Amino acid sequence: MLQSVKNASLVGLLVLCSISASAQTARASGYALFEQSVKGLGNAFAGSAATAEDASTIFYNPAGLTELSGFQVQNGAHFIIPVLRFTNSGSRFVTGSPIPGSEGGDAGAEALVPNLYASWDLSESIKAGIGINVPFGLQTKYDNDWVGRYQGINSKLLTINVNPSIAAKLSDQFSIGLGANLRYAKAELSNAVDLGLIGSQQLAGTPFAAGFAPGSADGLAEIEGEDWSLGVNIGALYKPNDGTKIGLAFRSGMRHTLKGSANFTVPDNAAILTRSGSFTDTEAEAVLRTPATVALSGSQKLTEKLTLLGDATWTNWSRFEELRIDFANPAQPAVVKAQNWKDTIRLSLGLNYAASDRLLLRAGFAFDPTPTRDEFRTVRIPDSDRTWYTIGATYKASDKFSLDVGYAYINVDRTSINESSAAGGTIVGDYRGSINILSAQARWQF
């Protein structure tokens, strides 16, 4: 009976957390979010598939549930503060004349990314748990009048993932785990439409062409879509001795067919362009393929106080070959933008120091390479290589309650962009950025 009450309370907490998570966006390398554990953040997520210190192992390696005992619940949040600025160096219309406008302001969007996990015993050797988290997120938002407005103004991806898991200890040294993932995704995109350029091309040689020129009549396209999808994550944990843990984990890629609408705003001086049926509101659809990941992690106790952590995570970003948006309106041609991302391997190292029985100090470093290629970089995701520097601490207030805090500074390498399109001209310039993350988490054990 007590277990049923606890489980019912857990479901309520998960619903509350999902409502909060649905409003949040942020961006890590590509559009993945590693921020699923405050303990992990303090170590730059080194050892994430091996340490199994708390129920966030549900996300990183469900086999780690066998390292936990009793009923546990934890709630964490990461406040992500990105800075992303563009410097223009020759953006131009297809005619070669400069595109007027600002440099877009700070395109980074602050976000509060929550997560919630719980675990419990089914037997001495079989454990279960459930988590809710935000595995992917993205937002870049520029000023409406910026020079790259025809390529993109707002780009937002929201996800919510519910992850029930189970694990079994097959021996004192070896455990396996399995999780299911039910994920909701919603995307929103907007950009200006150079109806002045389109009108000058489509109406050339007619009396209606008068007054049309690049930049003379800006419209607006706003597109959104949503979908649910299913995936799995599996893992294994091996402990050759008391001081060593090795974890291997796989998280499947998932496919979303995002269905929604496309809404167009057309100024009065370009209304003639809608007579053919184009630039009118319609249904829209796009496919989102998120990547699979494989993580190999280790945890090695060096002394009674020091533990060394390491991790290598491969991400199958090459699934993202293009951004394609199809419209139900046959007069509106599909939008296709090549991405051609490449697979990456993220490397991290961490160190834990047990300052006392109650206080554990953490530090970490990671190199997180970008999946983007220079020739295909876009204003929607102007990604580049990242270097993580992190610290954190765990304070065990009692046998039933502990508190975790963490901080990360992420240096984002300066990178260039040269993005062209037939209707949007060419955007030329440089990006610079950085990210600060402040994290806190509370954990209860019953």
Protein backbone atom coordinates (compact mmCIF):
# COMPACT_ATOMS: atom_id res chain seq x y z
CA MET A 1 0.00 0.00 0.00
CA LEU A 2 2.80 2.42 0.94
CA GLN A 3 4.54 1.71 -2.37
CA SER A 4 1.31 2.48 -4.27
CA VAL A 5 1.00 5.84 -2.51
CA LYS A 6 4.61 6.67 -3.34
CA ASN A 7 4.13 5.74 -6.98
CA ALA A 8 0.96 7.82 -7.22
CA SER A 9 2.81 10.81 -5.75
CA LEU A 10 5.58 10.27 -8.25
CA VAL A 11 3.16 10.41 -11.19
CA GLY A 12 1.86 13.75 -9.92
CA LEU A 13 5.38 15.14 -9.67
CA LEU A 14 6.16 13.96 -13.19
CA VAL A 15 3.12 15.74 -14.61
CA LEU A 16 4.10 18.99 -12.89
CA CYS A 17 7.64 18.69 -14.18
CA SER A 18 6.48 17.98 -17.74
CA ILE A 19 4.39 21.17 -17.73
CA SER A 20 7.48 23.12 -16.70
CA ALA A 21 9.74 21.36 -19.20
CA SER A 22 7.44 22.07 -22.13
CA ALA A 23 8.23 25.78 -21.89
CA GLN A 24 11.99 25.46 -21.93
CA THR A 25 14.58 25.58 -24.69
CA ALA A 26 18.35 25.66 -24.81
CA ARG A 27 21.14 24.47 -27.00
CA ALA A 28 24.26 22.33 -26.46
CA SER A 29 26.46 20.94 -29.24
CA GLY A 30 24.17 20.55 -32.21
CA TYR A 31 20.83 20.69 -30.42
CA ALA A 32 21.44 17.97 -27.78
CA LEU A 33 21.20 18.65 -24.05
CA PHE A 34 23.60 16.80 -21.76
CA GLU A 35 22.15 18.59 -18.74
CA GLN A 36 20.22 15.68 -17.22
CA SER A 37 22.09 15.49 -13.88
CA VAL A 38 23.56 18.13 -11.56
CA LYS A 39 26.09 15.63 -10.20
CA GLY A 40 27.10 14.91 -13.79
CA LEU A 41 27.43 18.58 -14.68
CA GLY A 42 30.02 19.06 -11.92
CA ASN A 43 32.19 16.47 -13.70
CA ALA A 44 31.42 17.70 -17.29
CA PHE A 45 29.45 14.41 -17.51
CA ALA A 46 32.61 12.32 -17.32
CA GLY A 47 31.78 8.81 -16.08
CA SER A 48 28.06 9.41 -16.70
CA ALA A 49 27.36 5.82 -17.84
CA ALA A 50 29.43 4.32 -15.00
CA THR A 51 29.05 6.25 -11.74
CA ALA A 52 25.34 5.52 -11.00
CA GLU A 53 25.35 7.85 -8.00
CA ASP A 54 21.65 8.64 -8.23
CA ALA A 55 18.50 7.98 -10.25
CA SER A 56 19.66 10.15 -13.20
CA THR A 57 21.46 6.98 -14.30
CA ILE A 58 18.07 6.20 -15.91
CA PHE A 59 19.05 8.59 -18.70
CA TYR A 60 22.78 7.80 -18.96
CA ASN A 61 22.78 4.03 -18.29
CA PRO A 62 19.71 2.27 -16.85
CA ALA A 63 21.90 -0.64 -15.67
CA GLY A 64 23.16 1.70 -12.96
CA LEU A 65 19.83 1.39 -11.15
CA THR A 66 21.20 -1.78 -9.53
CA GLU A 67 23.65 0.44 -7.59
CA LEU A 68 20.75 2.17 -5.81
CA SER A 69 18.55 0.95 -2.98
CA GLY A 70 15.21 1.92 -1.50
CA PHE A 71 12.82 4.52 -2.86
CA GLN A 72 14.57 7.66 -4.13
CA VAL A 73 13.30 10.80 -5.83
CA GLN A 74 15.24 13.81 -7.07
CA ASN A 75 14.45 17.06 -8.81
CA GLY A 76 17.06 19.20 -10.55
CA ALA A 77 17.17 22.30 -12.70
CA HIS A 78 19.79 23.92 -14.93
CA PHE A 79 19.69 27.65 -15.66
CA ILE A 80 21.43 28.06 -19.01
CA ILE A 81 22.68 31.53 -20.00
CA PRO A 82 24.01 31.60 -23.58
CA VAL A 83 25.52 34.50 -25.49
CA LEU A 84 25.51 34.35 -29.31
CA ARG A 85 26.44 37.37 -31.42
CA PHE A 86 26.89 37.84 -35.16
CA THR A 87 29.25 40.30 -36.87
CA ASN A 88 28.33 41.18 -40.44
CA SER A 89 31.06 41.32 -43.06
CA GLY A 90 29.38 41.72 -46.44
CA SER A 91 25.90 40.17 -46.44
CA ARG A 92 24.21 40.90 -49.75
CA PHE A 93 21.13 40.41 -51.90
CA VAL A 94 21.33 38.13 -54.95
CA THR A 95 21.80 41.31 -56.96
CA GLY A 96 25.02 42.02 -55.08
CA SER A 97 23.79 45.09 -53.19
CA PRO A 98 24.17 45.10 -49.37
CA ILE A 99 21.29 43.86 -47.24
CA PRO A 100 20.28 46.64 -44.83
CA GLY A 101 19.64 45.79 -41.20
CA SER A 102 21.12 45.18 -37.78
CA GLU A 103 23.47 42.39 -36.71
CA GLY A 104 20.67 40.64 -34.85
CA GLY A 105 21.50 41.37 -31.22
CA ASP A 106 22.12 38.51 -28.79
CA ALA A 107 20.54 35.48 -30.49
CA GLY A 108 21.00 33.25 -27.44
CA ALA A 109 17.93 32.48 -25.33
CA GLU A 110 18.12 31.90 -21.57
CA ALA A 111 16.40 28.73 -20.36
CA LEU A 112 15.54 26.82 -17.20
CA VAL A 113 15.81 23.10 -18.00
CA PRO A 114 14.31 20.80 -15.32
CA ASN A 115 14.49 17.05 -14.80
CA LEU A 116 12.92 14.62 -12.36
CA TYR A 117 13.85 11.03 -11.54
CA ALA A 118 12.74 8.31 -9.13
CA SER A 119 13.88 4.74 -8.48
CA TRP A 120 12.71 1.86 -6.29
CA ASP A 121 13.37 -1.82 -5.52
CA LEU A 122 11.36 -4.59 -7.13
CA SER A 123 13.58 -7.15 -5.43
CA GLU A 124 17.12 -7.34 -4.13
CA SER A 125 18.50 -7.75 -7.66
CA ILE A 126 15.85 -6.06 -9.83
CA LYS A 127 15.31 -2.28 -9.74
CA ALA A 128 12.95 0.07 -11.55
CA GLY A 129 12.75 3.79 -12.15
CA ILE A 130 11.22 6.56 -14.19
CA GLY A 131 12.57 9.89 -15.40
CA ILE A 132 11.33 12.93 -17.22
CA ASN A 133 13.79 15.17 -19.00
CA VAL A 134 14.53 17.43 -21.94
CA PRO A 135 17.05 15.58 -24.16
CA PHE A 136 16.98 18.04 -27.07
CA GLY A 137 16.34 21.76 -27.22
CA LEU A 138 17.15 24.71 -29.42
CA GLN A 139 16.41 28.38 -29.69
CA THR A 140 18.05 31.11 -31.68
CA LYS A 141 16.15 34.39 -31.89
CA TYR A 142 17.37 37.43 -33.79
CA ASP A 143 16.03 40.96 -34.09
CA ASN A 144 13.29 41.13 -36.75
CA ASP A 145 15.24 43.63 -38.86
CA TRP A 146 18.61 41.88 -38.90
CA VAL A 147 20.54 41.27 -42.13
CA GLY A 148 19.94 37.50 -42.01
CA ARG A 149 16.17 37.79 -41.58
CA TYR A 150 15.48 36.00 -44.87
CA GLN A 151 17.45 32.97 -43.64
CA GLY A 152 15.94 32.84 -40.16
CA ILE A 153 14.57 34.92 -37.29
CA ASN A 154 13.29 32.47 -34.69
CA SER A 155 14.18 28.77 -34.51
CA LYS A 156 12.84 26.78 -31.57
CA LEU A 157 12.72 23.09 -30.70
CA LEU A 158 11.00 21.81 -27.54
CA THR A 159 11.11 18.20 -26.33
CA ILE A 160 9.76 16.30 -23.33
CA ASN A 161 10.89 12.72 -22.72
CA VAL A 162 9.34 10.20 -20.31
CA ASN A 163 11.75 7.32 -19.61
CA PRO A 164 10.56 4.29 -17.53
CA SER A 165 13.40 1.82 -16.93
CA ILE A 166 14.24 -1.54 -15.35
CA ALA A 167 17.57 -3.13 -14.43
CA ALA A 168 18.78 -6.52 -13.22
CA LYS A 169 21.94 -7.49 -11.35
CA LEU A 170 23.10 -10.74 -12.99
CA SER A 171 26.09 -11.14 -10.66
CA ASP A 172 28.06 -9.10 -8.15
CA GLN A 173 30.08 -7.72 -11.09
CA PHE A 174 27.60 -7.36 -13.95
CA SER A 175 24.24 -5.59 -14.46
CA ILE A 176 22.05 -4.79 -17.44
CA GLY A 177 19.27 -2.24 -17.93
CA LEU A 178 16.55 -1.30 -20.39
CA GLY A 179 14.50 1.86 -20.80
CA ALA A 180 11.61 2.97 -23.01
CA ASN A 181 11.32 6.58 -24.21
CA LEU A 182 8.09 8.35 -25.05
CA ARG A 183 8.99 11.77 -26.44
CA TYR A 184 7.00 14.81 -27.49
CA ALA A 185 8.60 17.30 -29.89
CA LYS A 186 7.44 20.69 -31.11
CA ALA A 187 9.26 22.96 -33.55
CA GLU A 188 8.71 26.59 -34.51
CA LEU A 189 10.47 28.42 -37.34
CA SER A 190 10.12 31.93 -38.70
CA ASN A 191 11.88 34.07 -41.30
CA ALA A 192 11.23 37.11 -43.42
CA VAL A 193 10.30 36.57 -47.07
CA ASP A 194 11.79 38.96 -49.65
CA LEU A 195 8.60 39.49 -51.64
CA GLY A 196 10.22 42.51 -53.27
CA LEU A 197 12.80 40.25 -54.92
CA ILE A 198 10.21 37.57 -55.76
CA GLY A 199 7.88 40.16 -57.27
CA SER A 200 10.62 41.67 -59.42
CA GLN A 201 11.41 38.20 -60.80
CA GLN A 202 7.89 36.82 -61.25
CA LEU A 203 6.38 40.02 -62.65
CA ALA A 204 9.32 41.07 -64.83
CA GLY A 205 8.14 42.55 -68.12
CA THR A 206 4.66 43.35 -66.83
CA PRO A 207 3.18 46.64 -65.56
CA PHE A 208 2.85 45.06 -62.11
CA ALA A 209 6.66 44.86 -61.71
CA ALA A 210 6.86 48.58 -60.91
CA GLY A 211 7.84 49.19 -57.31
CA PHE A 212 9.25 45.68 -56.74
CA ALA A 213 12.94 45.42 -55.83
CA PRO A 214 15.00 43.39 -53.33
CA GLY A 215 14.09 44.41 -49.79
CA SER A 216 11.15 46.60 -50.86
CA ALA A 217 8.36 44.33 -49.51
CA ASP A 218 9.19 42.02 -46.62
CA GLY A 219 6.69 39.33 -45.73
CA LEU A 220 6.87 36.84 -42.86
CA ALA A 221 6.61 33.04 -42.76
CA GLU A 222 5.82 31.31 -39.45
CA ILE A 223 5.79 27.51 -39.34
CA GLU A 224 5.12 25.12 -36.47
CA GLY A 225 4.58 21.39 -36.03
CA GLU A 226 4.49 18.70 -33.34
CA ASP A 227 4.65 14.92 -32.91
CA TRP A 228 5.15 12.01 -30.48
CA SER A 229 7.68 9.21 -31.00
CA LEU A 230 9.07 6.10 -29.27
CA GLY A 231 12.64 4.93 -28.64
CA VAL A 232 14.75 2.80 -26.31
CA ASN A 233 17.93 3.04 -24.26
CA ILE A 234 19.92 0.07 -22.99
CA GLY A 235 23.08 -0.33 -20.95
CA ALA A 236 25.48 -2.59 -19.10
CA LEU A 237 27.57 -1.98 -16.00
CA TYR A 238 30.67 -4.01 -15.08
CA LYS A 239 32.55 -3.81 -11.76
CA PRO A 240 35.78 -5.86 -11.92
CA ASN A 241 36.65 -4.75 -8.36
CA ASP A 242 35.37 -2.48 -5.60
CA GLY A 243 37.12 0.61 -6.97
CA THR A 244 36.35 0.29 -10.67
CA LYS A 245 33.19 0.72 -12.74
CA ILE A 246 32.82 0.49 -16.51
CA GLY A 247 29.58 1.44 -18.22
CA LEU A 248 28.42 1.04 -21.82
CA ALA A 249 25.13 2.60 -22.92
CA PHE A 250 23.13 3.03 -26.13
CA ARG A 251 20.28 5.45 -26.78
CA SER A 252 18.34 4.99 -30.02
CA GLY A 253 17.72 7.63 -32.63
CA MET A 254 14.09 8.64 -33.11
CA ARG A 255 11.98 9.96 -35.98
CA HIS A 256 9.36 12.65 -35.61
CA THR A 257 6.96 13.66 -38.37
CA LEU A 258 6.14 17.18 -37.27
CA LYS A 259 2.71 18.20 -38.56
CA GLY A 260 1.25 21.66 -38.18
CA SER A 261 0.71 24.88 -40.06
CA ALA A 262 2.45 27.58 -42.08
CA ASN A 263 1.17 31.14 -41.76
CA PHE A 264 2.22 33.94 -44.10
CA THR A 265 2.02 37.68 -43.55
CA VAL A 266 2.03 39.59 -46.84
CA PRO A 267 2.22 43.42 -46.97
CA ASP A 268 -0.38 45.27 -49.04
CA ASN A 269 2.13 46.30 -51.70
CA ALA A 270 2.89 42.61 -52.44
CA ALA A 271 -0.67 41.22 -52.20
CA ILE A 272 -0.70 40.61 -55.96
CA LEU A 273 1.73 37.70 -55.41
CA THR A 274 -0.97 35.72 -53.57
CA ARG A 275 -3.26 35.58 -56.63
CA SER A 276 -1.52 32.40 -57.81
CA GLY A 277 -2.28 30.78 -54.46
CA SER A 278 1.23 31.07 -53.02
CA PHE A 279 2.07 32.72 -49.68
CA THR A 280 -1.32 31.77 -48.22
CA ASP A 281 -1.84 29.90 -44.95
CA THR A 282 -1.61 26.13 -45.30
CA GLU A 283 -0.80 22.91 -43.47
CA ALA A 284 2.88 21.98 -43.27
CA GLU A 285 5.00 18.94 -42.43
CA ALA A 286 8.68 18.27 -41.65
CA VAL A 287 10.66 15.23 -40.54
CA LEU A 288 13.01 15.47 -37.54
CA ARG A 289 15.54 12.65 -37.07
CA THR A 290 17.31 12.84 -33.72
CA PRO A 291 20.62 10.98 -33.33
CA ALA A 292 21.52 7.72 -31.65
CA THR A 293 24.32 7.80 -29.05
CA VAL A 294 26.79 5.28 -27.66
CA ALA A 295 28.66 6.13 -24.44
CA LEU A 296 31.63 4.34 -22.87
CA SER A 297 32.39 5.54 -19.35
CA GLY A 298 34.73 4.63 -16.53
CA SER A 299 35.12 5.40 -12.83
CA GLN A 300 38.35 4.54 -11.01
CA LYS A 301 38.96 5.10 -7.33
CA LEU A 302 42.55 6.34 -6.95
CA THR A 303 42.63 6.77 -3.17
CA GLU A 304 40.09 6.78 -0.37
CA LYS A 305 39.32 10.40 -1.25
CA LEU A 306 40.01 10.71 -5.00
CA THR A 307 38.07 9.20 -7.92
CA LEU A 308 38.94 9.66 -11.59
CA LEU A 309 36.16 9.68 -14.20
CA GLY A 310 36.19 9.47 -17.98
CA ASP A 311 33.74 9.30 -20.88
CA ALA A 312 33.60 9.07 -24.66
CA THR A 313 30.20 9.58 -26.29
CA TRP A 314 29.60 9.02 -30.00
CA THR A 315 26.61 10.82 -31.50
CA ASN A 316 25.11 9.86 -34.86
CA TRP A 317 24.50 13.43 -36.08
CA SER A 318 24.91 12.38 -39.74
CA ARG A 319 21.18 11.48 -39.64
CA PHE A 320 20.54 15.23 -40.06
CA GLU A 321 21.06 15.54 -43.80
CA GLU A 322 18.58 18.29 -44.62
CA LEU A 323 15.86 20.52 -43.27
CA ARG A 324 12.82 20.00 -45.50
CA ILE A 325 9.40 21.54 -45.09
CA ASP A 326 6.52 20.37 -47.30
CA PHE A 327 3.29 22.31 -47.71
CA ALA A 328 -0.22 21.03 -48.38
CA ASN A 329 -0.76 23.98 -50.73
CA PRO A 330 0.48 22.79 -54.18
CA ALA A 331 1.26 26.40 -55.13
CA GLN A 332 3.82 26.63 -52.30
CA PRO A 333 7.04 24.78 -53.19
CA ALA A 334 8.87 22.79 -50.51
CA VAL A 335 11.66 24.47 -48.56
CA VAL A 336 14.83 22.35 -48.61
CA LYS A 337 18.06 23.33 -46.84
CA ALA A 338 21.06 20.98 -46.88
CA GLN A 339 22.67 20.34 -43.44
CA ASN A 340 25.01 17.35 -44.01
CA TRP A 341 26.05 17.08 -40.37
CA LYS A 342 28.82 14.70 -39.32
CA ASP A 343 29.08 12.21 -36.45
CA THR A 344 30.98 13.40 -33.38
CA ILE A 345 32.78 11.99 -30.33
CA ARG A 346 32.57 14.01 -27.12
CA LEU A 347 35.44 13.41 -24.64
CA SER A 348 35.40 14.33 -20.95
CA LEU A 349 37.46 13.85 -17.78
CA GLY A 350 36.41 14.44 -14.19
CA LEU A 351 37.73 14.22 -10.65
CA ASN A 352 35.89 13.77 -7.34
CA TYR A 353 37.38 14.63 -3.95
CA ALA A 354 35.71 13.47 -0.73
CA ALA A 355 36.45 16.43 1.53
CA SER A 356 34.52 14.81 4.40
CA ASP A 357 31.84 12.20 5.03
CA ARG A 358 29.24 14.81 4.09
CA LEU A 359 30.93 16.90 1.39
CA LEU A 360 32.07 15.75 -2.07
CA LEU A 361 33.77 18.20 -4.44
CA ARG A 362 33.73 17.79 -8.23
CA ALA A 363 35.56 19.15 -11.27
CA GLY A 364 35.46 18.34 -14.96
CA PHE A 365 36.66 19.16 -18.46
CA ALA A 366 35.19 18.22 -21.84
CA PHE A 367 35.77 18.79 -25.53
CA ASP A 368 32.51 18.78 -27.48
CA PRO A 369 33.06 19.05 -31.27
CA THR A 370 30.42 20.51 -33.53
CA PRO A 371 28.59 18.28 -36.01
CA THR A 372 28.22 21.16 -38.48
CA ARG A 373 30.39 21.58 -41.56
CA ASP A 374 31.70 25.04 -42.47
CA GLU A 375 30.16 25.07 -45.94
CA PHE A 376 26.69 24.12 -44.63
CA ARG A 377 26.52 26.22 -41.44
CA THR A 378 23.21 28.11 -41.09
CA VAL A 379 21.96 31.06 -39.05
CA ARG A 380 19.41 28.76 -37.40
CA ILE A 381 22.15 26.58 -35.82
CA PRO A 382 25.49 28.45 -36.15
CA ASP A 383 27.26 25.80 -34.11
CA SER A 384 31.00 25.41 -33.43
CA ASP A 385 33.37 23.43 -31.18
CA ARG A 386 32.87 23.81 -27.43
CA THR A 387 35.17 23.39 -24.44
CA TRP A 388 33.61 22.75 -21.02
CA TYR A 389 35.08 23.75 -17.61
CA THR A 390 32.95 22.63 -14.66
CA ILE A 391 32.88 22.44 -10.87
CA GLY A 392 30.31 21.10 -8.42
CA ALA A 393 29.63 19.79 -4.94
CA THR A 394 27.37 17.32 -3.14
CA TYR A 395 26.37 17.95 0.47
CA LYS A 396 24.78 15.06 2.35
CA ALA A 397 22.67 16.75 4.99
CA SER A 398 21.37 13.42 6.35
CA ASP A 399 20.90 9.80 5.38
CA LYS A 400 17.65 10.83 3.67
CA PHE A 401 18.48 14.17 2.04
CA SER A 402 21.31 15.56 -0.09
CA LEU A 403 21.85 18.69 -2.15
CA ASP A 404 23.91 19.07 -5.35
CA VAL A 405 25.12 22.27 -7.01
CA GLY A 406 27.14 22.78 -10.17
CA TYR A 407 28.55 25.42 -12.47
CA ALA A 408 29.79 25.17 -16.05
CA TYR A 409 31.51 27.67 -18.32
CA ILE A 410 31.46 26.65 -21.98
CA ASN A 411 33.72 28.42 -24.45
CA VAL A 412 32.23 28.39 -27.95
CA ASP A 413 34.86 28.77 -30.67
CA ARG A 414 34.53 31.74 -32.99
CA THR A 415 33.27 30.57 -36.35
CA SER A 416 32.35 31.99 -39.75
CA ILE A 417 29.27 31.67 -41.92
CA ASN A 418 28.64 32.07 -45.65
CA GLU A 419 25.05 30.96 -46.21
CA SER A 420 23.26 31.54 -49.50
CA SER A 421 19.78 30.96 -50.87
CA ALA A 422 18.04 31.92 -54.09
CA ALA A 423 15.53 34.17 -52.31
CA GLY A 424 17.50 35.18 -49.20
CA GLY A 425 20.79 36.34 -50.64
CA THR A 426 24.09 35.58 -48.91
CA ILE A 427 24.85 36.02 -45.21
CA VAL A 428 28.55 36.55 -44.54
CA GLY A 429 30.08 37.10 -41.13
CA ASP A 430 31.36 35.62 -37.89
CA TYR A 431 29.79 34.25 -34.73
CA ARG A 432 31.18 34.34 -31.21
CA GLY A 433 29.57 32.91 -28.12
CA SER A 434 29.80 31.43 -24.65
CA ILE A 435 27.50 29.66 -22.20
CA ASN A 436 27.20 29.76 -18.41
CA ILE A 437 25.18 27.10 -16.58
CA LEU A 438 24.06 27.22 -12.94
CA SER A 439 22.54 24.00 -11.58
CA ALA A 440 20.97 22.73 -8.37
CA GLN A 441 19.33 19.46 -7.35
CA ALA A 442 17.66 17.99 -4.27
CA ARG A 443 17.50 14.25 -3.56
CA TRP A 444 15.40 12.38 -1.04
CA GLN A 445 15.70 8.73 0.00
CA PHE A 446 12.89 6.93 1.86
